[in-house]
Every structure is written in structure tokens, then in C-alpha cells.
Amino acid sequence: MSEIKKILIDKNITFTKLVALSKFKSAWGLRKAINRGNLKTLSEIRLILNAM
């Protein structure tokens, strides 16, 4: 989670915007998936962040 937060700060993107771009409907669900280490979610988030 800390690595994702650093990338969000560097790219000036809010977590809310990241939620809107992902398949998740709530920030809570996305945070839970990231903290649990869901590999599918982590790869999706990396693709979104790399595209920006």
C-alpha cells in the first residue's frame, strides 16, 4: 500500500480517482484488496498507474 501511495503522490492522483478507474466501486473494497495482497488487483492498479 505504501508503494502505491508514493506513486499516487508522485503522479498527483487521488485515491478516489484510482478507485474510479479501477473495477472497484468503493475505496474500502480497493484498500482491502490491496492490503490482502490480491495479485489480480495489484496488477490492475500497476497497469492503471503506468498508463498515467
N, C-alpha and C. Protein backbone atom coordinates (compact mmCIF):
# COMPACT_ATOMS: atom_id res chain seq x y z
N MET A 1 0.83 -1.19 0.00
CA MET A 1 0.00 0.00 0.00
C MET A 1 0.87 1.25 0.00
N SER A 2 1.97 1.22 0.72
CA SER A 2 2.82 2.41 0.79
C SER A 2 3.45 2.72 -0.56
N GLU A 3 3.80 1.69 -1.32
CA GLU A 3 4.36 1.90 -2.65
C GLU A 3 3.32 2.56 -3.57
N ILE A 4 2.09 2.13 -3.48
CA ILE A 4 1.02 2.70 -4.29
C ILE A 4 0.78 4.15 -3.88
N LYS A 5 0.80 4.43 -2.59
CA LYS A 5 0.62 5.80 -2.11
C LYS A 5 1.72 6.73 -2.64
N LYS A 6 2.96 6.23 -2.66
CA LYS A 6 4.07 7.04 -3.16
C LYS A 6 3.89 7.36 -4.64
N ILE A 7 3.45 6.37 -5.41
CA ILE A 7 3.23 6.58 -6.84
C ILE A 7 2.09 7.57 -7.06
N LEU A 8 1.04 7.46 -6.26
CA LEU A 8 -0.08 8.39 -6.38
C LEU A 8 0.37 9.83 -6.11
N ILE A 9 1.20 10.00 -5.11
CA ILE A 9 1.71 11.34 -4.77
C ILE A 9 2.59 11.86 -5.90
N ASP A 10 3.48 11.01 -6.42
CA ASP A 10 4.38 11.43 -7.49
C ASP A 10 3.61 11.83 -8.75
N LYS A 11 2.53 11.13 -9.04
CA LYS A 11 1.76 11.39 -10.26
C LYS A 11 0.60 12.35 -10.01
N ASN A 12 0.45 12.82 -8.77
CA ASN A 12 -0.58 13.78 -8.39
C ASN A 12 -1.98 13.23 -8.71
N ILE A 13 -2.24 12.01 -8.28
CA ILE A 13 -3.52 11.35 -8.48
C ILE A 13 -4.10 11.03 -7.10
N THR A 14 -5.40 11.24 -6.95
CA THR A 14 -6.04 10.91 -5.69
C THR A 14 -6.45 9.45 -5.66
N PHE A 15 -6.60 8.92 -4.47
CA PHE A 15 -7.03 7.54 -4.33
C PHE A 15 -8.45 7.38 -4.88
N THR A 16 -9.27 8.40 -4.73
CA THR A 16 -10.64 8.37 -5.25
C THR A 16 -10.65 8.23 -6.77
N LYS A 17 -9.74 8.91 -7.44
CA LYS A 17 -9.65 8.80 -8.89
C LYS A 17 -9.18 7.40 -9.29
N LEU A 18 -8.27 6.84 -8.51
CA LEU A 18 -7.80 5.48 -8.77
C LEU A 18 -8.96 4.49 -8.65
N VAL A 19 -9.81 4.69 -7.66
CA VAL A 19 -10.98 3.83 -7.49
C VAL A 19 -11.90 3.95 -8.70
N ALA A 20 -12.10 5.17 -9.18
CA ALA A 20 -12.98 5.38 -10.33
C ALA A 20 -12.44 4.70 -11.59
N LEU A 21 -11.13 4.62 -11.73
CA LEU A 21 -10.53 4.00 -12.91
C LEU A 21 -10.45 2.47 -12.79
N SER A 22 -10.59 1.96 -11.59
CA SER A 22 -10.50 0.51 -11.39
C SER A 22 -11.88 -0.13 -11.46
N LYS A 23 -11.91 -1.45 -11.29
CA LYS A 23 -13.18 -2.17 -11.34
C LYS A 23 -13.96 -2.07 -10.03
N PHE A 24 -13.34 -1.51 -9.01
CA PHE A 24 -13.98 -1.43 -7.70
C PHE A 24 -14.95 -0.26 -7.64
N LYS A 25 -15.97 -0.43 -6.81
CA LYS A 25 -17.00 0.61 -6.67
C LYS A 25 -16.79 1.46 -5.43
N SER A 26 -15.91 1.00 -4.53
CA SER A 26 -15.66 1.77 -3.32
C SER A 26 -14.18 1.75 -2.97
N ALA A 27 -13.76 2.79 -2.29
CA ALA A 27 -12.37 2.88 -1.86
C ALA A 27 -12.08 1.80 -0.82
N TRP A 28 -13.06 1.50 -0.01
CA TRP A 28 -12.89 0.48 1.02
C TRP A 28 -12.55 -0.87 0.40
N GLY A 29 -13.27 -1.25 -0.64
CA GLY A 29 -13.03 -2.53 -1.31
C GLY A 29 -11.65 -2.59 -1.94
N LEU A 30 -11.23 -1.49 -2.56
CA LEU A 30 -9.91 -1.45 -3.19
C LEU A 30 -8.81 -1.52 -2.14
N ARG A 31 -8.94 -0.78 -1.06
CA ARG A 31 -7.94 -0.81 0.01
C ARG A 31 -7.82 -2.22 0.61
N LYS A 32 -8.97 -2.85 0.81
CA LYS A 32 -8.99 -4.19 1.38
C LYS A 32 -8.26 -5.18 0.45
N ALA A 33 -8.51 -5.09 -0.85
CA ALA A 33 -7.87 -5.98 -1.81
C ALA A 33 -6.36 -5.74 -1.87
N ILE A 34 -5.95 -4.48 -1.81
CA ILE A 34 -4.53 -4.14 -1.84
C ILE A 34 -3.84 -4.65 -0.57
N ASN A 35 -4.45 -4.40 0.58
CA ASN A 35 -3.85 -4.83 1.84
C ASN A 35 -3.76 -6.35 1.96
N ARG A 36 -4.68 -7.06 1.35
CA ARG A 36 -4.65 -8.53 1.38
C ARG A 36 -3.65 -9.09 0.37
N GLY A 37 -3.17 -8.25 -0.52
CA GLY A 37 -2.17 -8.70 -1.49
C GLY A 37 -2.77 -9.43 -2.67
N ASN A 38 -3.98 -9.08 -3.05
CA ASN A 38 -4.64 -9.70 -4.18
C ASN A 38 -3.84 -9.39 -5.44
N LEU A 39 -3.23 -10.40 -6.03
CA LEU A 39 -2.32 -10.20 -7.16
C LEU A 39 -3.03 -9.64 -8.39
N LYS A 40 -4.25 -10.05 -8.63
CA LYS A 40 -5.01 -9.55 -9.78
C LYS A 40 -5.28 -8.04 -9.62
N THR A 41 -5.65 -7.65 -8.42
CA THR A 41 -5.90 -6.24 -8.15
C THR A 41 -4.62 -5.43 -8.26
N LEU A 42 -3.54 -5.94 -7.71
CA LEU A 42 -2.26 -5.22 -7.75
C LEU A 42 -1.78 -5.03 -9.19
N SER A 43 -1.95 -6.04 -10.03
CA SER A 43 -1.53 -5.90 -11.42
C SER A 43 -2.42 -4.90 -12.16
N GLU A 44 -3.72 -4.89 -11.84
CA GLU A 44 -4.63 -3.92 -12.46
C GLU A 44 -4.24 -2.49 -12.07
N ILE A 45 -3.92 -2.29 -10.80
CA ILE A 45 -3.55 -0.95 -10.32
C ILE A 45 -2.23 -0.52 -10.95
N ARG A 46 -1.28 -1.42 -11.07
CA ARG A 46 0.00 -1.07 -11.71
C ARG A 46 -0.21 -0.69 -13.17
N LEU A 47 -1.09 -1.39 -13.86
CA LEU A 47 -1.38 -1.04 -15.27
C LEU A 47 -2.00 0.36 -15.36
N ILE A 48 -2.91 0.65 -14.46
CA ILE A 48 -3.56 1.98 -14.46
C ILE A 48 -2.53 3.07 -14.18
N LEU A 49 -1.68 2.85 -13.17
CA LEU A 49 -0.70 3.86 -12.79
C LEU A 49 0.38 4.03 -13.86
N ASN A 50 0.75 2.96 -14.53
CA ASN A 50 1.75 3.07 -15.59
C ASN A 50 1.20 3.80 -16.81
N ALA A 51 -0.09 3.71 -17.03
CA ALA A 51 -0.70 4.36 -18.18
C ALA A 51 -0.81 5.87 -17.98
N MET A 52 -0.74 6.30 -16.73
CA MET A 52 -0.92 7.74 -16.46
C MET A 52 0.37 8.47 -16.49
